[in-house]
């Protein structure tokens, strides 16, 4: 499991109840930074594969899917092709970019 592989970045506390999510404690430092670098593209890919209804337009089959993914996950400047999207879609991309950048 992803979190167990990154045991220097976080600790997982299993709850007694099988219906509760486990508690996760994150430890500051370079192991956490490395984990986050790996985790953010995973989250972005998951969102694009099965987005919430409001973002259903950006499903993986979108003609600009690769550019959208790049805009969401990379720290460099957004691809210029994103500007061809309707303004509300551009806002969605930038909001996800901000969310995932922390």
N, C-alpha and C. Protein backbone atom coordinates (compact mmCIF):
# COMPACT_ATOMS: atom_id res chain seq x y z
N UNK A 1 0.84 -1.19 0.00
CA UNK A 1 0.00 0.00 0.00
C UNK A 1 0.89 1.24 0.00
N UNK A 2 0.43 2.28 -0.68
CA UNK A 2 1.23 3.49 -0.87
C UNK A 2 1.71 4.09 0.45
N UNK A 3 0.81 4.27 1.41
CA UNK A 3 1.19 4.91 2.67
C UNK A 3 2.16 4.04 3.47
N UNK A 4 2.00 2.75 3.41
CA UNK A 4 2.92 1.86 4.14
C UNK A 4 4.32 1.88 3.54
N UNK A 5 4.42 2.09 2.24
CA UNK A 5 5.74 2.22 1.60
C UNK A 5 6.45 3.48 2.05
N UNK A 6 5.70 4.47 2.50
CA UNK A 6 6.27 5.75 2.91
C UNK A 6 6.19 5.90 4.43
N UNK A 7 6.62 4.88 5.13
CA UNK A 7 6.51 4.87 6.59
C UNK A 7 7.36 5.95 7.28
N UNK A 8 8.36 6.49 6.60
CA UNK A 8 9.14 7.59 7.19
C UNK A 8 8.43 8.93 7.05
N UNK A 9 7.41 8.97 6.20
CA UNK A 9 6.66 10.21 5.97
C UNK A 9 5.36 10.26 6.76
N UNK A 10 4.86 9.08 7.15
CA UNK A 10 3.57 9.07 7.84
C UNK A 10 3.41 7.80 8.67
N UNK A 11 2.47 7.89 9.58
CA UNK A 11 2.12 6.76 10.43
C UNK A 11 0.63 6.52 10.29
N UNK A 12 0.25 5.26 10.14
CA UNK A 12 -1.16 4.92 9.98
C UNK A 12 -1.65 4.26 11.27
N UNK A 13 -2.69 4.83 11.85
CA UNK A 13 -3.31 4.25 13.04
C UNK A 13 -4.61 3.59 12.66
N UNK A 14 -4.69 2.31 12.86
CA UNK A 14 -5.91 1.59 12.50
C UNK A 14 -6.94 1.75 13.61
N UNK A 15 -8.15 2.10 13.22
CA UNK A 15 -9.25 2.26 14.17
C UNK A 15 -9.87 0.92 14.50
N UNK A 16 -10.52 0.85 15.62
CA UNK A 16 -11.17 -0.39 16.05
C UNK A 16 -12.37 -0.73 15.16
N UNK A 17 -13.08 0.26 14.72
CA UNK A 17 -14.28 0.04 13.92
C UNK A 17 -13.92 -0.18 12.46
N UNK A 18 -14.44 -1.22 11.83
CA UNK A 18 -14.13 -1.46 10.42
C UNK A 18 -14.78 -0.46 9.47
N UNK A 19 -15.71 0.35 9.96
CA UNK A 19 -16.37 1.32 9.08
C UNK A 19 -15.70 2.69 9.12
N UNK A 20 -14.68 2.88 9.96
CA UNK A 20 -13.98 4.16 10.05
C UNK A 20 -12.71 4.13 9.22
N UNK A 21 -12.34 5.30 8.71
CA UNK A 21 -11.08 5.45 7.99
C UNK A 21 -9.95 5.41 9.01
N UNK A 22 -8.79 4.90 8.64
CA UNK A 22 -7.66 4.93 9.57
C UNK A 22 -7.18 6.36 9.78
N UNK A 23 -6.59 6.61 10.92
CA UNK A 23 -6.01 7.94 11.15
C UNK A 23 -4.60 7.96 10.57
N UNK A 24 -4.22 9.08 10.00
CA UNK A 24 -2.90 9.20 9.38
C UNK A 24 -2.20 10.41 9.98
N UNK A 25 -0.97 10.20 10.44
CA UNK A 25 -0.16 11.28 10.97
C UNK A 25 1.01 11.48 10.02
N UNK A 26 1.21 12.72 9.57
CA UNK A 26 2.30 13.03 8.65
C UNK A 26 3.46 13.65 9.40
N UNK A 27 4.70 13.29 9.01
CA UNK A 27 5.91 13.80 9.64
C UNK A 27 6.60 14.77 8.68
N UNK A 28 6.89 15.93 9.18
CA UNK A 28 7.53 16.96 8.37
C UNK A 28 8.93 16.50 7.95
N UNK A 29 9.33 16.92 6.76
CA UNK A 29 10.69 16.63 6.31
C UNK A 29 10.74 16.10 4.88
N UNK A 30 11.93 15.73 4.45
CA UNK A 30 12.13 15.31 3.06
C UNK A 30 11.39 14.03 2.69
N UNK A 31 11.22 13.04 3.61
CA UNK A 31 10.43 11.87 3.22
C UNK A 31 8.99 12.25 2.84
N UNK A 32 8.41 13.20 3.57
CA UNK A 32 7.05 13.64 3.25
C UNK A 32 7.03 14.37 1.90
N UNK A 33 8.02 15.21 1.66
CA UNK A 33 8.09 15.93 0.39
C UNK A 33 8.19 14.95 -0.78
N UNK A 34 8.98 13.90 -0.62
CA UNK A 34 9.11 12.88 -1.67
C UNK A 34 7.79 12.15 -1.89
N UNK A 35 7.12 11.85 -0.80
CA UNK A 35 5.84 11.15 -0.90
C UNK A 35 4.82 12.02 -1.64
N UNK A 36 4.77 13.30 -1.31
CA UNK A 36 3.81 14.22 -1.93
C UNK A 36 4.10 14.34 -3.43
N UNK A 37 5.37 14.39 -3.81
CA UNK A 37 5.73 14.47 -5.23
C UNK A 37 5.18 13.28 -6.01
N UNK A 38 5.14 12.13 -5.37
CA UNK A 38 4.61 10.92 -6.01
C UNK A 38 3.08 10.87 -5.93
N UNK A 39 2.52 11.39 -4.86
CA UNK A 39 1.09 11.29 -4.61
C UNK A 39 0.26 12.23 -5.48
N UNK A 40 0.72 13.44 -5.71
CA UNK A 40 -0.09 14.42 -6.44
C UNK A 40 -0.45 13.97 -7.85
N UNK A 41 0.49 13.43 -8.64
CA UNK A 41 0.07 12.93 -9.96
C UNK A 41 -0.92 11.76 -9.86
N UNK A 42 -0.80 10.96 -8.82
CA UNK A 42 -1.75 9.86 -8.64
C UNK A 42 -3.16 10.41 -8.39
N UNK A 43 -3.25 11.45 -7.57
CA UNK A 43 -4.55 12.07 -7.30
C UNK A 43 -5.11 12.70 -8.57
N UNK A 44 -4.26 13.42 -9.29
CA UNK A 44 -4.71 14.07 -10.53
C UNK A 44 -5.22 13.05 -11.54
N UNK A 45 -4.50 11.95 -11.70
CA UNK A 45 -4.94 10.89 -12.62
C UNK A 45 -6.27 10.29 -12.18
N UNK A 46 -6.42 10.08 -10.88
CA UNK A 46 -7.67 9.52 -10.36
C UNK A 46 -8.84 10.47 -10.61
N UNK A 47 -8.61 11.76 -10.42
CA UNK A 47 -9.67 12.75 -10.67
C UNK A 47 -10.06 12.75 -12.14
N UNK A 48 -9.08 12.65 -13.02
CA UNK A 48 -9.39 12.68 -14.45
C UNK A 48 -10.06 11.39 -14.92
N UNK A 49 -9.77 10.27 -14.27
CA UNK A 49 -10.41 9.01 -14.65
C UNK A 49 -11.87 8.97 -14.19
N UNK A 50 -12.12 9.49 -13.01
CA UNK A 50 -13.47 9.45 -12.46
C UNK A 50 -13.74 10.76 -11.71
N UNK A 51 -13.94 11.84 -12.46
CA UNK A 51 -14.11 13.14 -11.82
C UNK A 51 -15.48 13.29 -11.16
N UNK A 52 -15.57 14.20 -10.21
CA UNK A 52 -16.91 14.52 -9.70
C UNK A 52 -17.73 15.13 -10.84
N UNK A 53 -19.04 15.13 -10.68
CA UNK A 53 -19.93 15.59 -11.75
C UNK A 53 -19.52 16.96 -12.30
N UNK A 54 -19.17 17.88 -11.42
CA UNK A 54 -18.84 19.25 -11.84
C UNK A 54 -17.61 19.30 -12.75
N UNK A 55 -16.79 18.29 -12.68
CA UNK A 55 -15.57 18.26 -13.50
C UNK A 55 -15.62 17.16 -14.56
N UNK A 56 -16.80 16.65 -14.83
CA UNK A 56 -16.92 15.52 -15.76
C UNK A 56 -16.43 15.86 -17.17
N UNK A 57 -16.37 17.14 -17.49
CA UNK A 57 -15.87 17.55 -18.81
C UNK A 57 -14.40 17.18 -19.01
N UNK A 58 -13.64 17.02 -17.93
CA UNK A 58 -12.21 16.77 -18.08
C UNK A 58 -11.82 15.30 -18.02
N UNK A 59 -12.77 14.43 -18.27
CA UNK A 59 -12.46 13.00 -18.26
C UNK A 59 -11.29 12.69 -19.19
N UNK A 60 -10.65 11.59 -18.95
CA UNK A 60 -9.44 11.21 -19.68
C UNK A 60 -9.59 11.25 -21.19
N UNK A 61 -10.79 11.13 -21.73
CA UNK A 61 -10.99 11.14 -23.17
C UNK A 61 -10.99 12.53 -23.79
N UNK A 62 -10.88 13.56 -22.99
CA UNK A 62 -10.88 14.95 -23.50
C UNK A 62 -9.69 15.13 -24.42
N UNK A 63 -9.90 15.89 -25.49
CA UNK A 63 -8.82 16.08 -26.48
C UNK A 63 -7.58 16.75 -25.89
N UNK A 64 -7.75 17.52 -24.81
CA UNK A 64 -6.60 18.17 -24.17
C UNK A 64 -6.22 17.49 -22.84
N UNK A 65 -6.61 16.22 -22.68
CA UNK A 65 -6.38 15.53 -21.40
C UNK A 65 -4.92 15.59 -20.95
N UNK A 66 -3.99 15.36 -21.87
CA UNK A 66 -2.57 15.39 -21.49
C UNK A 66 -2.14 16.78 -21.03
N UNK A 67 -2.60 17.80 -21.74
CA UNK A 67 -2.25 19.17 -21.36
C UNK A 67 -2.91 19.56 -20.03
N UNK A 68 -4.14 19.11 -19.84
CA UNK A 68 -4.83 19.39 -18.57
C UNK A 68 -4.08 18.75 -17.42
N UNK A 69 -3.67 17.48 -17.60
CA UNK A 69 -2.92 16.78 -16.56
C UNK A 69 -1.60 17.49 -16.28
N UNK A 70 -0.93 17.92 -17.33
CA UNK A 70 0.33 18.65 -17.17
C UNK A 70 0.10 19.96 -16.41
N UNK A 71 -0.97 20.67 -16.76
CA UNK A 71 -1.29 21.94 -16.10
C UNK A 71 -1.59 21.74 -14.62
N UNK A 72 -2.22 20.63 -14.29
CA UNK A 72 -2.60 20.35 -12.91
C UNK A 72 -1.40 19.92 -12.07
N UNK A 73 -0.50 19.15 -12.64
CA UNK A 73 0.55 18.51 -11.84
C UNK A 73 1.93 19.14 -11.91
N UNK A 74 2.25 19.84 -12.98
CA UNK A 74 3.61 20.36 -13.10
C UNK A 74 3.73 21.76 -12.52
N UNK A 75 4.87 22.03 -11.93
CA UNK A 75 5.11 23.32 -11.30
C UNK A 75 5.43 24.42 -12.31
N UNK A 76 5.79 24.01 -13.51
CA UNK A 76 6.12 25.00 -14.54
C UNK A 76 4.83 25.68 -15.03
N UNK A 77 4.99 26.55 -15.97
CA UNK A 77 3.86 27.29 -16.53
C UNK A 77 2.85 26.35 -17.19
N UNK A 78 1.57 26.72 -17.15
CA UNK A 78 0.51 25.92 -17.79
C UNK A 78 0.72 25.89 -19.30
N UNK A 79 0.41 24.77 -19.95
CA UNK A 79 0.47 24.74 -21.41
C UNK A 79 -0.48 25.79 -21.99
N UNK A 80 -0.08 26.43 -23.06
CA UNK A 80 -0.89 27.50 -23.66
C UNK A 80 -2.21 26.97 -24.21
N UNK A 81 -2.28 25.70 -24.54
CA UNK A 81 -3.52 25.13 -25.08
C UNK A 81 -4.67 25.21 -24.09
N UNK A 82 -4.37 25.33 -22.80
CA UNK A 82 -5.41 25.45 -21.77
C UNK A 82 -6.24 26.70 -22.01
N UNK A 83 -5.64 27.71 -22.60
CA UNK A 83 -6.35 28.96 -22.88
C UNK A 83 -7.45 28.79 -23.92
N UNK A 84 -7.43 27.69 -24.66
CA UNK A 84 -8.49 27.44 -25.65
C UNK A 84 -9.75 26.87 -25.01
N UNK A 85 -9.66 26.48 -23.75
CA UNK A 85 -10.83 25.98 -23.03
C UNK A 85 -11.77 27.13 -22.69
N UNK A 86 -13.06 26.84 -22.50
CA UNK A 86 -13.97 27.88 -22.00
C UNK A 86 -13.46 28.40 -20.65
N UNK A 87 -13.76 29.63 -20.36
CA UNK A 87 -13.22 30.28 -19.16
C UNK A 87 -13.53 29.50 -17.87
N UNK A 88 -14.74 28.97 -17.76
CA UNK A 88 -15.09 28.23 -16.55
C UNK A 88 -14.25 26.95 -16.41
N UNK A 89 -13.90 26.32 -17.55
CA UNK A 89 -13.05 25.14 -17.51
C UNK A 89 -11.62 25.51 -17.12
N UNK A 90 -11.15 26.66 -17.61
CA UNK A 90 -9.82 27.13 -17.22
C UNK A 90 -9.78 27.33 -15.71
N UNK A 91 -10.84 27.87 -15.15
CA UNK A 91 -10.90 28.07 -13.70
C UNK A 91 -10.85 26.73 -12.96
N UNK A 92 -11.53 25.72 -13.50
CA UNK A 92 -11.49 24.39 -12.89
C UNK A 92 -10.06 23.85 -12.87
N UNK A 93 -9.37 23.99 -13.98
CA UNK A 93 -7.99 23.49 -14.08
C UNK A 93 -7.10 24.23 -13.08
N UNK A 94 -7.22 25.53 -13.03
CA UNK A 94 -6.38 26.32 -12.12
C UNK A 94 -6.72 26.03 -10.65
N UNK A 95 -8.00 25.78 -10.36
CA UNK A 95 -8.39 25.45 -8.99
C UNK A 95 -7.78 24.11 -8.57
N UNK A 96 -7.84 23.12 -9.45
CA UNK A 96 -7.21 21.83 -9.14
C UNK A 96 -5.71 21.95 -8.99
N UNK A 97 -5.12 22.76 -9.83
CA UNK A 97 -3.66 23.00 -9.76
C UNK A 97 -3.31 23.58 -8.39
N UNK A 98 -4.08 24.57 -7.94
CA UNK A 98 -3.85 25.16 -6.63
C UNK A 98 -4.09 24.19 -5.49
N UNK A 99 -5.14 23.40 -5.62
CA UNK A 99 -5.46 22.41 -4.60
C UNK A 99 -4.34 21.39 -4.43
N UNK A 100 -3.84 20.89 -5.55
CA UNK A 100 -2.82 19.84 -5.49
C UNK A 100 -1.43 20.38 -5.18
N UNK A 101 -1.22 21.67 -5.36
CA UNK A 101 0.10 22.22 -5.05
C UNK A 101 0.27 22.45 -3.56
N UNK A 102 -0.83 22.40 -2.84
CA UNK A 102 -0.77 22.56 -1.39
C UNK A 102 -0.82 23.99 -1.05
